[in-house]
Protein backbone atom coordinates (compact mmCIF):
# COMPACT_ATOMS: atom_id res chain seq x y z
CA MET A 1 108.30 112.71 85.38
CA LYS A 2 104.74 113.19 87.81
CA ILE A 3 104.58 112.66 91.70
CA ILE A 4 101.15 110.86 92.25
CA CYS A 5 99.91 111.19 95.91
CA ILE A 6 96.91 109.16 96.65
CA ASN A 7 94.59 110.34 99.60
CA THR A 8 93.41 108.14 102.10
CA SER A 9 90.71 110.55 103.34
CA ASN A 10 87.73 108.78 101.09
CA SER A 11 89.14 105.36 100.91
CA ALA A 12 90.45 104.56 103.77
CA THR A 13 86.63 103.37 105.43
CA SER A 14 85.83 101.60 101.98
CA THR A 15 87.44 99.06 100.03
CA THR A 16 85.22 99.78 97.08
CA ALA A 17 85.87 103.68 96.65
CA LYS A 18 87.51 104.71 93.96
CA PRO A 19 91.56 106.32 95.12
CA TYR A 20 91.19 110.09 95.13
CA TYR A 21 94.82 111.42 94.02
CA HIS A 22 96.77 114.66 93.76
CA LEU A 23 99.69 115.56 91.61
CA ARG A 24 102.93 117.54 92.79
CA PRO A 25 105.53 118.87 90.62
CA ASP A 26 108.97 117.15 90.44
CA THR A 27 110.83 120.80 92.77
CA ALA A 28 108.27 119.45 95.68
CA MET A 29 111.11 116.47 95.89
CA LEU A 30 113.33 116.70 99.03
CA ARG A 31 116.44 114.10 98.54
CA ASN A 32 119.06 112.56 100.17
CA ASN A 33 117.81 112.91 103.67
CA GLU A 34 118.44 117.12 103.20
CA THR A 35 116.56 118.77 106.02
CA PHE A 36 112.92 120.35 105.70
CA PHE A 37 112.63 123.76 106.28
CA VAL A 38 108.90 124.81 107.31
CA PRO A 39 107.90 127.32 104.83
CA GLU A 40 106.85 130.92 106.07
CA PHE A 41 103.08 130.26 104.72
CA ALA A 42 102.84 127.16 106.73
CA SER A 43 101.91 127.78 110.24
CA ASN A 44 99.84 124.40 110.76
CA LEU A 45 102.28 121.80 108.72
CA THR A 46 101.06 118.48 108.76
CA ALA A 47 102.75 115.01 107.09
CA GLN A 48 102.11 111.48 105.92
CA PHE A 49 104.16 108.91 105.70
CA ALA A 50 103.94 106.94 102.67
CA THR A 51 104.89 103.64 100.88
CA VAL A 52 106.30 104.91 97.58
CA TYR A 53 106.23 103.20 93.88
CA LYS A 54 108.07 103.51 91.28
CA ILE A 55 106.81 103.40 87.73
CA ASN A 56 109.35 101.11 85.56
CA ARG A 57 106.68 101.00 81.94
CA ILE A 58 104.33 102.86 80.48
CA ALA A 59 101.17 102.16 81.34
CA LYS A 60 97.51 103.33 79.81
CA ALA A 61 94.10 101.66 80.88
CA ILE A 62 95.60 98.72 82.15
CA GLU A 63 93.72 95.73 84.38
CA PRO A 64 94.68 95.61 87.85
CA LYS A 65 96.15 92.02 87.26
CA PHE A 66 98.62 93.67 84.86
CA ALA A 67 99.82 96.64 87.16
CA PRO A 68 103.03 94.22 89.06
CA ARG A 69 104.65 94.34 86.01
CA CYS A 70 104.41 97.98 86.23
CA TYR A 71 106.79 98.60 89.15
CA THR A 72 109.84 96.79 90.76
CA GLN A 73 111.19 98.84 93.11
CA ILE A 74 109.61 100.50 96.24
CA SER A 75 110.68 103.12 98.69
CA THR A 76 109.31 105.65 101.27
CA ALA A 77 108.02 109.08 101.16
CA VAL A 78 106.72 112.01 103.77
CA ILE A 79 104.47 113.92 102.34
CA PHE A 80 104.00 117.87 103.60
CA THR A 81 100.91 119.52 103.86
CA ALA A 82 100.14 123.20 104.88
CA GLN A 83 96.95 122.94 106.02
CA ASN A 84 96.55 126.27 107.17
CA LEU A 85 96.30 126.95 103.73
CA ILE A 86 93.11 124.37 103.05
CA VAL A 87 91.12 125.59 106.09
CA GLN A 88 91.62 129.01 104.39
CA ASN A 89 89.98 127.87 101.30
CA GLN A 90 93.30 128.43 99.27
CA PRO A 91 93.70 126.17 96.36
CA TRP A 92 94.62 122.64 97.25
CA ASP A 93 98.09 123.27 95.11
CA MET A 94 99.32 125.92 97.09
CA ALA A 95 98.85 123.96 100.38
CA THR A 96 100.50 120.49 98.56
CA ALA A 97 103.24 120.95 96.12
CA PHE A 98 105.21 123.95 97.69
CA ASP A 99 109.11 123.13 97.12
CA HIS A 100 110.34 120.30 99.26
CA SER A 101 107.10 118.96 100.25
CA PHE A 102 107.89 115.58 99.30
CA ALA A 103 110.83 114.26 101.00
CA ILE A 104 111.61 110.86 99.51
CA ALA A 105 114.00 108.39 100.48
CA PRO A 106 117.49 108.14 99.05
CA LEU A 107 117.03 104.47 98.40
CA PHE A 108 114.82 102.03 96.79
CA VAL A 109 114.47 97.95 97.37
CA ASP A 110 113.00 95.31 95.53
CA ALA A 111 109.32 95.57 95.27
CA THR A 112 109.34 91.68 95.68
CA GLN A 113 109.88 92.13 99.41
CA ASN A 114 107.45 92.24 101.85
CA ILE A 115 108.27 95.21 103.35
CA THR A 116 106.52 96.50 106.79
CA PRO A 117 107.02 100.31 107.48
CA THR A 118 107.63 101.93 110.57
CA ALA A 119 108.09 105.69 111.14
CA THR A 120 108.98 107.74 114.39
CA ILE A 121 108.72 111.33 114.83
CA ASN A 122 111.14 112.45 117.83
CA ASN A 123 112.03 108.60 118.81
CA GLU A 124 108.19 108.43 119.09
CA ASN A 125 106.51 105.64 117.29
CA VAL A 126 103.44 106.61 114.51
CA GLU A 127 100.65 104.69 114.29
CA VAL A 128 100.85 102.51 111.09
CA LEU A 129 97.25 101.95 109.32
CA ASN A 130 95.68 98.91 109.33
CA GLN A 131 94.46 98.95 105.62
CA GLN A 132 96.40 99.98 102.92
CA GLU A 133 95.47 100.86 99.79
CA ASP A 134 95.90 98.02 97.21
CA VAL A 135 98.59 98.65 95.14
CA ASN A 136 97.35 96.99 91.79
CA ASN A 137 93.89 98.13 91.93
CA THR A 138 95.13 102.12 92.82
CA ILE A 139 97.57 101.67 89.71
CA ALA A 140 95.00 100.14 87.32
CA HIS A 141 92.44 102.87 88.16
CA LEU A 142 94.92 105.92 87.59
CA SER A 143 96.20 104.48 83.99
CA ASP A 144 92.04 104.60 83.30
CA PHE A 145 92.88 108.70 83.59
CA MET A 146 96.72 109.32 82.67
CA THR A 147 99.59 107.43 81.25
CA LEU A 148 102.02 106.36 83.78
CA LYS A 149 105.25 106.89 82.34
CA ILE A 150 108.83 105.19 83.64
CA GLY A 151 109.79 107.30 86.22
CA ASP A 152 106.67 108.29 87.85
CA ILE A 153 106.11 108.04 91.53
CA ILE A 154 102.91 106.92 93.08
CA ALA A 155 102.67 107.55 97.21
CA ILE A 156 100.16 105.65 99.35
CA PRO A 157 100.03 106.47 102.72
CA PHE A 158 100.41 104.37 105.37
CA THR A 159 99.82 106.85 108.38
CA ASP A 160 97.17 109.09 109.27
CA THR A 161 97.90 112.90 109.13
CA ILE A 162 100.15 113.85 111.57
CA ASN A 163 100.93 117.43 113.18
CA VAL A 164 104.83 118.25 112.37
CA ASP A 165 106.57 120.88 114.40
CA ILE A 166 110.18 122.85 114.06
CA ASP A 167 113.04 120.83 115.49
CA ASP A 168 111.31 117.32 114.88
CA THR A 169 113.17 114.58 113.63
CA VAL A 170 111.66 112.14 111.24
CA LYS A 171 112.82 108.85 110.69
CA VAL A 172 111.24 105.97 108.34
CA TRP A 173 112.43 101.95 108.88
CA ILE A 174 111.20 99.06 106.56
CA ASN A 175 111.05 95.51 108.13
CA ASP A 176 112.59 97.36 111.71
CA GLU A 177 116.05 96.83 110.31
CA ASN A 178 116.56 99.42 107.27
CA LYS A 179 116.34 102.72 107.69
CA LEU A 180 115.37 104.71 104.89
CA GLN A 181 114.58 108.15 106.10
CA GLU A 182 116.16 110.50 108.67
CA PHE A 183 115.97 114.12 108.57
CA ASP A 184 115.13 117.41 110.70
CA VAL A 185 112.52 119.67 110.38
CA LYS A 186 113.88 123.35 110.98
């Protein structure tokens, strides 16, 4: 299983830009709304809230029009990054691929639903981006570079990067009623 995180930094300003992505290992997953413990090396921790698409069939070099066949379930995740390591010019993997750096919701919903995600930190709303990557174009683009397999997860952020501190409480809803995530940062 691959965790494929789309970076919005270069594509949020242009609809023609190809998505930039990075991979995280399966050990990066934090499941079941467990508490996230800030690692000692992360003095400046940030988070992005993301919509998650679970791949349900093998896909290689597909066209965007066939991409909807590749996923039937969606959820949310919180993607943590140790920004201080990036500033220190440490390898990207050290800052992003550490254990439990990808907090995924325990519940997936039907992908045919229109979802509107909402996120809060300490009960303060997090601004949702106006433009979210087109998932079908993203899946098609990714399938040109790697074979997508059953169980792979693609995370497309719906917020900008936000600073996270110890003792914060993170919550994510869809359609303002279904709370998918609630966990503490310690």
